[in-house]
Amino acid sequence: VVGSAPLANANKINQLWNSLLRFELEVSKDATQVAEVCPVVSLH
């Protein structure tokens, strides 16, 4: 819903994507999910 919101919210969106990445790295520890999220985090 908000992952590609206007750039006015860029910092908050980056934090949301990074929070998702931390969850996948530290809690789920699912390499497939991490690989899927990482490029998007890098893009943002």
All heavy atoms as atom14 arrays in JSON, in Angstrom:
{
  "sequence": "VVGSAPLANANKINQLWNSLLRFELEVSKDATQVAEVCPVVSLH",
  "atom14_mask": [
    [1, 1, 1, 1, 1, 1, 1, 0, 0, 0, 0, 0, 0, 0],
    [1, 1, 1, 1, 1, 1, 1, 0, 0, 0, 0, 0, 0, 0],
    [1, 1, 1, 1, 0, 0, 0, 0, 0, 0, 0, 0, 0, 0],
    [1, 1, 1, 1, 1, 1, 0, 0, 0, 0, 0, 0, 0, 0],
    [1, 1, 1, 1, 1, 0, 0, 0, 0, 0, 0, 0, 0, 0],
    [1, 1, 1, 1, 1, 1, 1, 0, 0, 0, 0, 0, 0, 0],
    [1, 1, 1, 1, 1, 1, 1, 1, 0, 0, 0, 0, 0, 0],
    [1, 1, 1, 1, 1, 0, 0, 0, 0, 0, 0, 0, 0, 0],
    [1, 1, 1, 1, 1, 1, 1, 1, 0, 0, 0, 0, 0, 0],
    [1, 1, 1, 1, 1, 0, 0, 0, 0, 0, 0, 0, 0, 0],
    [1, 1, 1, 1, 1, 1, 1, 1, 0, 0, 0, 0, 0, 0],
    [1, 1, 1, 1, 1, 1, 1, 1, 1, 0, 0, 0, 0, 0],
    [1, 1, 1, 1, 1, 1, 1, 1, 0, 0, 0, 0, 0, 0],
    [1, 1, 1, 1, 1, 1, 1, 1, 0, 0, 0, 0, 0, 0],
    [1, 1, 1, 1, 1, 1, 1, 1, 1, 0, 0, 0, 0, 0],
    [1, 1, 1, 1, 1, 1, 1, 1, 0, 0, 0, 0, 0, 0],
    [1, 1, 1, 1, 1, 1, 1, 1, 1, 1, 1, 1, 1, 1],
    [1, 1, 1, 1, 1, 1, 1, 1, 0, 0, 0, 0, 0, 0],
    [1, 1, 1, 1, 1, 1, 0, 0, 0, 0, 0, 0, 0, 0],
    [1, 1, 1, 1, 1, 1, 1, 1, 0, 0, 0, 0, 0, 0],
    [1, 1, 1, 1, 1, 1, 1, 1, 0, 0, 0, 0, 0, 0],
    [1, 1, 1, 1, 1, 1, 1, 1, 1, 1, 1, 0, 0, 0],
    [1, 1, 1, 1, 1, 1, 1, 1, 1, 1, 1, 0, 0, 0],
    [1, 1, 1, 1, 1, 1, 1, 1, 1, 0, 0, 0, 0, 0],
    [1, 1, 1, 1, 1, 1, 1, 1, 0, 0, 0, 0, 0, 0],
    [1, 1, 1, 1, 1, 1, 1, 1, 1, 0, 0, 0, 0, 0],
    [1, 1, 1, 1, 1, 1, 1, 0, 0, 0, 0, 0, 0, 0],
    [1, 1, 1, 1, 1, 1, 0, 0, 0, 0, 0, 0, 0, 0],
    [1, 1, 1, 1, 1, 1, 1, 1, 1, 0, 0, 0, 0, 0],
    [1, 1, 1, 1, 1, 1, 1, 1, 0, 0, 0, 0, 0, 0],
    [1, 1, 1, 1, 1, 0, 0, 0, 0, 0, 0, 0, 0, 0],
    [1, 1, 1, 1, 1, 1, 1, 0, 0, 0, 0, 0, 0, 0],
    [1, 1, 1, 1, 1, 1, 1, 1, 1, 0, 0, 0, 0, 0],
    [1, 1, 1, 1, 1, 1, 1, 0, 0, 0, 0, 0, 0, 0],
    [1, 1, 1, 1, 1, 0, 0, 0, 0, 0, 0, 0, 0, 0],
    [1, 1, 1, 1, 1, 1, 1, 1, 1, 0, 0, 0, 0, 0],
    [1, 1, 1, 1, 1, 1, 1, 0, 0, 0, 0, 0, 0, 0],
    [1, 1, 1, 1, 1, 1, 0, 0, 0, 0, 0, 0, 0, 0],
    [1, 1, 1, 1, 1, 1, 1, 0, 0, 0, 0, 0, 0, 0],
    [1, 1, 1, 1, 1, 1, 1, 0, 0, 0, 0, 0, 0, 0],
    [1, 1, 1, 1, 1, 1, 1, 0, 0, 0, 0, 0, 0, 0],
    [1, 1, 1, 1, 1, 1, 0, 0, 0, 0, 0, 0, 0, 0],
    [1, 1, 1, 1, 1, 1, 1, 1, 0, 0, 0, 0, 0, 0],
    [1, 1, 1, 1, 1, 1, 1, 1, 1, 1, 0, 0, 0, 0]
  ],
  "atom14_positions": [
    [[0.82, -1.21, 0.0], [0.0, 0.0, 0.0], [0.86, 1.26, 0.0], [0.59, 2.2, -0.76], [-0.96, 0.01, 1.21], [-1.73, 1.32, 1.27], [-1.93, -1.16, 1.14], [0.0, 0.0, 0.0], [0.0, 0.0, 0.0], [0.0, 0.0, 0.0], [0.0, 0.0, 0.0], [0.0, 0.0, 0.0], [0.0, 0.0, 0.0], [0.0, 0.0, 0.0]],
    [[1.88, 1.3, 0.85], [2.64, 2.55, 1.01], [4.12, 2.42, 0.64], [4.86, 3.39, 0.76], [2.53, 3.08, 2.46], [1.09, 3.37, 2.82], [3.16, 2.09, 3.46], [0.0, 0.0, 0.0], [0.0, 0.0, 0.0], [0.0, 0.0, 0.0], [0.0, 0.0, 0.0], [0.0, 0.0, 0.0], [0.0, 0.0, 0.0], [0.0, 0.0, 0.0]],
    [[4.54, 1.25, 0.21], [5.96, 1.03, -0.07], [6.51, 1.85, -1.21], [7.72, 2.01, -1.35], [0.0, 0.0, 0.0], [0.0, 0.0, 0.0], [0.0, 0.0, 0.0], [0.0, 0.0, 0.0], [0.0, 0.0, 0.0], [0.0, 0.0, 0.0], [0.0, 0.0, 0.0], [0.0, 0.0, 0.0], [0.0, 0.0, 0.0], [0.0, 0.0, 0.0]],
    [[5.62, 2.38, -2.05], [6.06, 3.22, -3.17], [5.37, 4.58, -3.11], [5.06, 5.19, -4.14], [5.74, 2.55, -4.51], [6.41, 1.3, -4.61], [0.0, 0.0, 0.0], [0.0, 0.0, 0.0], [0.0, 0.0, 0.0], [0.0, 0.0, 0.0], [0.0, 0.0, 0.0], [0.0, 0.0, 0.0], [0.0, 0.0, 0.0], [0.0, 0.0, 0.0]],
    [[5.13, 5.05, -1.89], [4.45, 6.33, -1.7], [5.32, 7.48, -2.19], [6.51, 7.3, -2.46], [4.11, 6.51, -0.21], [0.0, 0.0, 0.0], [0.0, 0.0, 0.0], [0.0, 0.0, 0.0], [0.0, 0.0, 0.0], [0.0, 0.0, 0.0], [0.0, 0.0, 0.0], [0.0, 0.0, 0.0], [0.0, 0.0, 0.0], [0.0, 0.0, 0.0]],
    [[4.75, 8.69, -2.32], [5.53, 9.84, -2.81], [6.82, 10.08, -2.02], [6.92, 9.71, -0.85], [4.55, 11.02, -2.63], [3.21, 10.38, -2.73], [3.35, 9.04, -2.07], [0.0, 0.0, 0.0], [0.0, 0.0, 0.0], [0.0, 0.0, 0.0], [0.0, 0.0, 0.0], [0.0, 0.0, 0.0], [0.0, 0.0, 0.0], [0.0, 0.0, 0.0]],
    [[7.78, 10.72, -2.65], [9.09, 10.91, -2.05], [9.05, 11.75, -0.78], [10.0, 11.74, 0.0], [10.04, 11.57, -3.07], [10.43, 10.71, -4.27], [11.33, 11.5, -5.21], [11.14, 9.44, -3.79], [0.0, 0.0, 0.0], [0.0, 0.0, 0.0], [0.0, 0.0, 0.0], [0.0, 0.0, 0.0], [0.0, 0.0, 0.0], [0.0, 0.0, 0.0]],
    [[7.94, 12.47, -0.56], [7.81, 13.25, 0.67], [7.92, 12.36, 1.89], [8.31, 12.8, 2.97], [6.49, 14.0, 0.68], [0.0, 0.0, 0.0], [0.0, 0.0, 0.0], [0.0, 0.0, 0.0], [0.0, 0.0, 0.0], [0.0, 0.0, 0.0], [0.0, 0.0, 0.0], [0.0, 0.0, 0.0], [0.0, 0.0, 0.0], [0.0, 0.0, 0.0]],
    [[7.58, 11.09, 1.72], [7.63, 10.13, 2.83], [8.81, 9.18, 2.7], [8.81, 8.11, 3.29], [6.33, 9.31, 2.87], [5.16, 10.13, 3.35], [5.28, 10.94, 4.27], [4.0, 9.94, 2.72], [0.0, 0.0, 0.0], [0.0, 0.0, 0.0], [0.0, 0.0, 0.0], [0.0, 0.0, 0.0], [0.0, 0.0, 0.0], [0.0, 0.0, 0.0]],
    [[9.82, 9.56, 1.93], [10.92, 8.64, 1.62], [11.58, 8.07, 2.86], [11.84, 6.86, 2.93], [11.95, 9.36, 0.74], [0.0, 0.0, 0.0], [0.0, 0.0, 0.0], [0.0, 0.0, 0.0], [0.0, 0.0, 0.0], [0.0, 0.0, 0.0], [0.0, 0.0, 0.0], [0.0, 0.0, 0.0], [0.0, 0.0, 0.0], [0.0, 0.0, 0.0]],
    [[11.89, 8.9, 3.84], [12.58, 8.41, 5.04], [11.75, 7.38, 5.79], [12.26, 6.35, 6.24], [12.93, 9.57, 5.96], [14.05, 10.44, 5.4], [14.84, 9.98, 4.59], [14.1, 11.69, 5.82], [0.0, 0.0, 0.0], [0.0, 0.0, 0.0], [0.0, 0.0, 0.0], [0.0, 0.0, 0.0], [0.0, 0.0, 0.0], [0.0, 0.0, 0.0]],
    [[10.45, 7.66, 5.93], [9.58, 6.74, 6.65], [9.42, 5.42, 5.89], [9.38, 4.36, 6.49], [8.21, 7.39, 6.88], [8.25, 8.58, 7.82], [6.87, 9.19, 7.98], [6.93, 10.4, 8.91], [5.59, 11.04, 9.04], [0.0, 0.0, 0.0], [0.0, 0.0, 0.0], [0.0, 0.0, 0.0], [0.0, 0.0, 0.0], [0.0, 0.0, 0.0]],
    [[9.35, 5.53, 4.56], [9.22, 4.31, 3.75], [10.5, 3.48, 3.85], [10.46, 2.25, 3.95], [8.91, 4.67, 2.29], [7.54, 5.34, 2.21], [8.95, 3.44, 1.4], [7.26, 5.99, 0.89], [0.0, 0.0, 0.0], [0.0, 0.0, 0.0], [0.0, 0.0, 0.0], [0.0, 0.0, 0.0], [0.0, 0.0, 0.0], [0.0, 0.0, 0.0]],
    [[11.65, 4.15, 3.83], [12.92, 3.43, 4.0], [12.95, 2.68, 5.33], [13.4, 1.53, 5.41], [14.09, 4.42, 3.95], [14.33, 4.98, 2.56], [13.8, 4.46, 1.58], [15.1, 6.05, 2.48], [0.0, 0.0, 0.0], [0.0, 0.0, 0.0], [0.0, 0.0, 0.0], [0.0, 0.0, 0.0], [0.0, 0.0, 0.0], [0.0, 0.0, 0.0]],
    [[12.47, 3.34, 6.37], [12.44, 2.7, 7.69], [11.53, 1.48, 7.69], [11.84, 0.46, 8.32], [11.98, 3.72, 8.74], [12.98, 4.83, 9.01], [12.42, 5.93, 9.89], [11.34, 5.79, 10.45], [13.15, 7.03, 10.01], [0.0, 0.0, 0.0], [0.0, 0.0, 0.0], [0.0, 0.0, 0.0], [0.0, 0.0, 0.0], [0.0, 0.0, 0.0]],
    [[10.4, 1.58, 6.98], [9.48, 0.45, 6.91], [10.12, -0.73, 6.19], [10.06, -1.87, 6.68], [8.19, 0.88, 6.2], [7.09, -0.18, 6.07], [6.63, -0.64, 7.45], [5.91, 0.37, 5.28], [0.0, 0.0, 0.0], [0.0, 0.0, 0.0], [0.0, 0.0, 0.0], [0.0, 0.0, 0.0], [0.0, 0.0, 0.0], [0.0, 0.0, 0.0]],
    [[10.76, -0.47, 5.05], [11.43, -1.55, 4.31], [12.57, -2.15, 5.14], [12.76, -3.37, 5.16], [11.97, -1.03, 2.98], [10.95, -0.99, 1.89], [10.33, 0.11, 1.38], [10.4, -2.11, 1.17], [9.45, -0.24, 0.39], [9.47, -1.6, 0.24], [10.63, -3.49, 1.22], [8.76, -2.42, -0.64], [9.91, -4.31, 0.35], [9.0, -3.78, -0.56]],
    [[13.32, -1.3, 5.83], [14.42, -1.79, 6.66], [13.9, -2.61, 7.84], [14.54, -3.59, 8.25], [15.27, -0.62, 7.16], [16.27, -0.14, 6.13], [17.01, -0.93, 5.56], [16.28, 1.15, 5.87], [0.0, 0.0, 0.0], [0.0, 0.0, 0.0], [0.0, 0.0, 0.0], [0.0, 0.0, 0.0], [0.0, 0.0, 0.0], [0.0, 0.0, 0.0]],
    [[12.76, -2.21, 8.36], [12.15, -2.98, 9.45], [11.75, -4.37, 8.95], [11.95, -5.38, 9.65], [10.92, -2.23, 9.99], [10.29, -2.97, 11.01], [0.0, 0.0, 0.0], [0.0, 0.0, 0.0], [0.0, 0.0, 0.0], [0.0, 0.0, 0.0], [0.0, 0.0, 0.0], [0.0, 0.0, 0.0], [0.0, 0.0, 0.0], [0.0, 0.0, 0.0]],
    [[11.19, -4.43, 7.74], [10.85, -5.73, 7.15], [12.1, -6.57, 6.96], [12.12, -7.78, 7.27], [10.13, -5.52, 5.82], [9.91, -6.77, 4.96], [9.13, -7.84, 5.72], [9.18, -6.41, 3.66], [0.0, 0.0, 0.0], [0.0, 0.0, 0.0], [0.0, 0.0, 0.0], [0.0, 0.0, 0.0], [0.0, 0.0, 0.0], [0.0, 0.0, 0.0]],
    [[13.17, -5.94, 6.47], [14.42, -6.69, 6.26], [14.96, -7.23, 7.58], [15.39, -8.38, 7.65], [15.45, -5.79, 5.58], [16.82, -6.43, 5.31], [16.69, -7.68, 4.44], [17.77, -5.42, 4.68], [0.0, 0.0, 0.0], [0.0, 0.0, 0.0], [0.0, 0.0, 0.0], [0.0, 0.0, 0.0], [0.0, 0.0, 0.0], [0.0, 0.0, 0.0]],
    [[14.93, -6.42, 8.63], [15.41, -6.89, 9.95], [14.59, -8.06, 10.44], [15.13, -9.02, 11.0], [15.34, -5.75, 10.98], [16.46, -4.74, 10.87], [16.55, -3.86, 12.12], [15.29, -3.16, 12.36], [15.0, -1.99, 11.83], [15.84, -1.4, 11.0], [13.86, -1.4, 12.13], [0.0, 0.0, 0.0], [0.0, 0.0, 0.0], [0.0, 0.0, 0.0]],
    [[13.28, -7.99, 10.21], [12.42, -9.1, 10.62], [12.83, -10.38, 9.9], [12.94, -11.45, 10.52], [10.95, -8.77, 10.33], [10.03, -9.94, 10.5], [9.67, -10.38, 11.77], [9.54, -10.63, 9.4], [8.84, -11.49, 11.93], [8.7, -11.72, 9.55], [8.35, -12.15, 10.83], [0.0, 0.0, 0.0], [0.0, 0.0, 0.0], [0.0, 0.0, 0.0]],
    [[13.04, -10.29, 8.59], [13.39, -11.48, 7.82], [14.78, -12.0, 8.2], [15.01, -13.21, 8.24], [13.32, -11.19, 6.31], [11.94, -10.79, 5.8], [10.91, -11.91, 5.87], [11.22, -13.0, 6.39], [9.77, -11.69, 5.41], [0.0, 0.0, 0.0], [0.0, 0.0, 0.0], [0.0, 0.0, 0.0], [0.0, 0.0, 0.0], [0.0, 0.0, 0.0]],
    [[15.69, -11.1, 8.52], [17.05, -11.5, 8.89], [17.12, -12.09, 10.3], [17.77, -13.13, 10.52], [17.99, -10.3, 8.82], [18.46, -9.86, 7.43], [19.16, -8.51, 7.53], [19.39, -10.91, 6.82], [0.0, 0.0, 0.0], [0.0, 0.0, 0.0], [0.0, 0.0, 0.0], [0.0, 0.0, 0.0], [0.0, 0.0, 0.0], [0.0, 0.0, 0.0]],
    [[16.45, -11.45, 11.25], [16.63, -11.79, 12.66], [15.59, -12.74, 13.22], [15.86, -13.48, 14.17], [16.65, -10.5, 13.5], [17.77, -9.55, 13.11], [17.66, -8.19, 13.79], [16.77, -8.05, 14.67], [18.44, -7.29, 13.44], [0.0, 0.0, 0.0], [0.0, 0.0, 0.0], [0.0, 0.0, 0.0], [0.0, 0.0, 0.0], [0.0, 0.0, 0.0]],
    [[14.39, -12.71, 12.65], [13.3, -13.55, 13.2], [13.0, -14.72, 12.3], [13.11, -15.88, 12.7], [12.03, -12.71, 13.46], [10.93, -13.59, 14.07], [12.33, -11.54, 14.39], [0.0, 0.0, 0.0], [0.0, 0.0, 0.0], [0.0, 0.0, 0.0], [0.0, 0.0, 0.0], [0.0, 0.0, 0.0], [0.0, 0.0, 0.0], [0.0, 0.0, 0.0]],
    [[12.61, -14.44, 11.06], [12.25, -15.56, 10.18], [13.48, -16.32, 9.71], [13.45, -17.53, 9.53], [11.46, -15.04, 8.97], [12.33, -14.47, 8.0], [0.0, 0.0, 0.0], [0.0, 0.0, 0.0], [0.0, 0.0, 0.0], [0.0, 0.0, 0.0], [0.0, 0.0, 0.0], [0.0, 0.0, 0.0], [0.0, 0.0, 0.0], [0.0, 0.0, 0.0]],
    [[14.59, -15.59, 9.5], [15.84, -16.18, 9.02], [15.62, -17.01, 7.76], [16.17, -18.09, 7.57], [16.49, -17.04, 10.11], [16.82, -16.22, 11.36], [17.44, -17.07, 12.47], [17.74, -16.22, 13.7], [18.3, -17.01, 14.81], [0.0, 0.0, 0.0], [0.0, 0.0, 0.0], [0.0, 0.0, 0.0], [0.0, 0.0, 0.0], [0.0, 0.0, 0.0]],
    [[14.76, -16.44, 6.9], [14.39, -17.1, 5.65], [15.22, -16.48, 4.52], [14.98, -15.33, 4.13], [12.89, -16.91, 5.4], [12.39, -17.67, 4.19], [13.13, -17.77, 3.2], [11.24, -18.16, 4.23], [0.0, 0.0, 0.0], [0.0, 0.0, 0.0], [0.0, 0.0, 0.0], [0.0, 0.0, 0.0], [0.0, 0.0, 0.0], [0.0, 0.0, 0.0]],
    [[16.17, -17.22, 4.01], [17.09, -16.69, 3.0], [16.36, -16.25, 1.74], [16.72, -15.25, 1.1], [18.14, -17.74, 2.65], [0.0, 0.0, 0.0], [0.0, 0.0, 0.0], [0.0, 0.0, 0.0], [0.0, 0.0, 0.0], [0.0, 0.0, 0.0], [0.0, 0.0, 0.0], [0.0, 0.0, 0.0], [0.0, 0.0, 0.0], [0.0, 0.0, 0.0]],
    [[15.3, -16.99, 1.37], [14.55, -16.63, 0.17], [13.87, -15.28, 0.33], [13.9, -14.43, -0.58], [13.48, -17.7, -0.14], [14.12, -18.97, -0.32], [12.69, -17.35, -1.38], [0.0, 0.0, 0.0], [0.0, 0.0, 0.0], [0.0, 0.0, 0.0], [0.0, 0.0, 0.0], [0.0, 0.0, 0.0], [0.0, 0.0, 0.0], [0.0, 0.0, 0.0]],
    [[13.27, -15.06, 1.52], [12.6, -13.79, 1.78], [13.62, -12.64, 1.85], [13.36, -11.55, 1.36], [11.81, -13.87, 3.09], [10.65, -14.86, 3.07], [9.55, -14.44, 2.12], [9.34, -13.27, 1.86], [8.82, -15.43, 1.6], [0.0, 0.0, 0.0], [0.0, 0.0, 0.0], [0.0, 0.0, 0.0], [0.0, 0.0, 0.0], [0.0, 0.0, 0.0]],
    [[14.75, -12.9, 2.47], [15.8, -11.88, 2.56], [16.27, -11.49, 1.16], [16.42, -10.3, 0.85], [16.99, -12.38, 3.41], [18.16, -11.41, 3.31], [16.58, -12.57, 4.86], [0.0, 0.0, 0.0], [0.0, 0.0, 0.0], [0.0, 0.0, 0.0], [0.0, 0.0, 0.0], [0.0, 0.0, 0.0], [0.0, 0.0, 0.0], [0.0, 0.0, 0.0]],
    [[16.48, -12.48, 0.31], [16.94, -12.22, -1.06], [15.91, -11.42, -1.84], [16.27, -10.62, -2.72], [17.22, -13.54, -1.77], [0.0, 0.0, 0.0], [0.0, 0.0, 0.0], [0.0, 0.0, 0.0], [0.0, 0.0, 0.0], [0.0, 0.0, 0.0], [0.0, 0.0, 0.0], [0.0, 0.0, 0.0], [0.0, 0.0, 0.0], [0.0, 0.0, 0.0]],
    [[14.66, -11.6, -1.52], [13.59, -10.88, -2.22], [13.51, -9.42, -1.74], [13.26, -8.51, -2.54], [12.25, -11.58, -1.98], [11.08, -10.94, -2.72], [9.79, -11.7, -2.48], [9.86, -12.94, -2.27], [8.73, -11.06, -2.51], [0.0, 0.0, 0.0], [0.0, 0.0, 0.0], [0.0, 0.0, 0.0], [0.0, 0.0, 0.0], [0.0, 0.0, 0.0]],
    [[13.72, -9.21, -0.45], [13.57, -7.88, 0.13], [14.8, -7.01, -0.1], [14.69, -5.8, -0.32], [13.25, -7.97, 1.64], [13.24, -6.58, 2.28], [11.92, -8.67, 1.86], [0.0, 0.0, 0.0], [0.0, 0.0, 0.0], [0.0, 0.0, 0.0], [0.0, 0.0, 0.0], [0.0, 0.0, 0.0], [0.0, 0.0, 0.0], [0.0, 0.0, 0.0]],
    [[15.98, -7.59, -0.05], [17.23, -6.83, -0.11], [17.32, -5.88, -1.32], [17.7, -4.71, -1.16], [18.43, -7.78, -0.13], [19.1, -8.09, 1.52], [0.0, 0.0, 0.0], [0.0, 0.0, 0.0], [0.0, 0.0, 0.0], [0.0, 0.0, 0.0], [0.0, 0.0, 0.0], [0.0, 0.0, 0.0], [0.0, 0.0, 0.0], [0.0, 0.0, 0.0]],
    [[17.02, -6.33, -2.53], [17.13, -5.41, -3.68], [16.22, -4.21, -3.55], [16.59, -3.1, -3.96], [16.73, -6.29, -4.87], [16.98, -7.69, -4.42], [16.65, -7.69, -2.95], [0.0, 0.0, 0.0], [0.0, 0.0, 0.0], [0.0, 0.0, 0.0], [0.0, 0.0, 0.0], [0.0, 0.0, 0.0], [0.0, 0.0, 0.0], [0.0, 0.0, 0.0]],
    [[15.03, -4.4, -2.97], [14.1, -3.29, -2.82], [14.64, -2.29, -1.79], [14.57, -1.07, -1.99], [12.71, -3.8, -2.37], [11.73, -2.62, -2.27], [12.19, -4.84, -3.33], [0.0, 0.0, 0.0], [0.0, 0.0, 0.0], [0.0, 0.0, 0.0], [0.0, 0.0, 0.0], [0.0, 0.0, 0.0], [0.0, 0.0, 0.0], [0.0, 0.0, 0.0]],
    [[15.19, -2.81, -0.69], [15.79, -1.94, 0.33], [16.94, -1.14, -0.27], [17.07, 0.07, -0.05], [16.28, -2.76, 1.53], [17.04, -1.87, 2.5], [15.09, -3.42, 2.24], [0.0, 0.0, 0.0], [0.0, 0.0, 0.0], [0.0, 0.0, 0.0], [0.0, 0.0, 0.0], [0.0, 0.0, 0.0], [0.0, 0.0, 0.0], [0.0, 0.0, 0.0]],
    [[17.76, -1.8, -1.08], [18.89, -1.12, -1.72], [18.4, -0.04, -2.67], [18.98, 1.06, -2.75], [19.75, -2.13, -2.5], [20.3, -3.09, -1.62], [0.0, 0.0, 0.0], [0.0, 0.0, 0.0], [0.0, 0.0, 0.0], [0.0, 0.0, 0.0], [0.0, 0.0, 0.0], [0.0, 0.0, 0.0], [0.0, 0.0, 0.0], [0.0, 0.0, 0.0]],
    [[17.31, -0.34, -3.38], [16.75, 0.64, -4.32], [16.28, 1.89, -3.59], [16.56, 3.02, -3.99], [15.58, 0.01, -5.09], [14.83, 0.92, -6.06], [15.75, 1.38, -7.18], [13.61, 0.2, -6.62], [0.0, 0.0, 0.0], [0.0, 0.0, 0.0], [0.0, 0.0, 0.0], [0.0, 0.0, 0.0], [0.0, 0.0, 0.0], [0.0, 0.0, 0.0]],
    [[15.59, 1.69, -2.45], [15.09, 2.83, -1.68], [16.24, 3.59, -1.04], [16.19, 4.82, -0.9], [14.11, 2.35, -0.61], [12.74, 2.08, -1.15], [11.76, 3.05, -1.19], [12.19, 0.97, -1.71], [10.66, 2.54, -1.73], [10.9, 1.28, -2.05], [0.0, 0.0, 0.0], [0.0, 0.0, 0.0], [0.0, 0.0, 0.0], [0.0, 0.0, 0.0]]
  ]
}
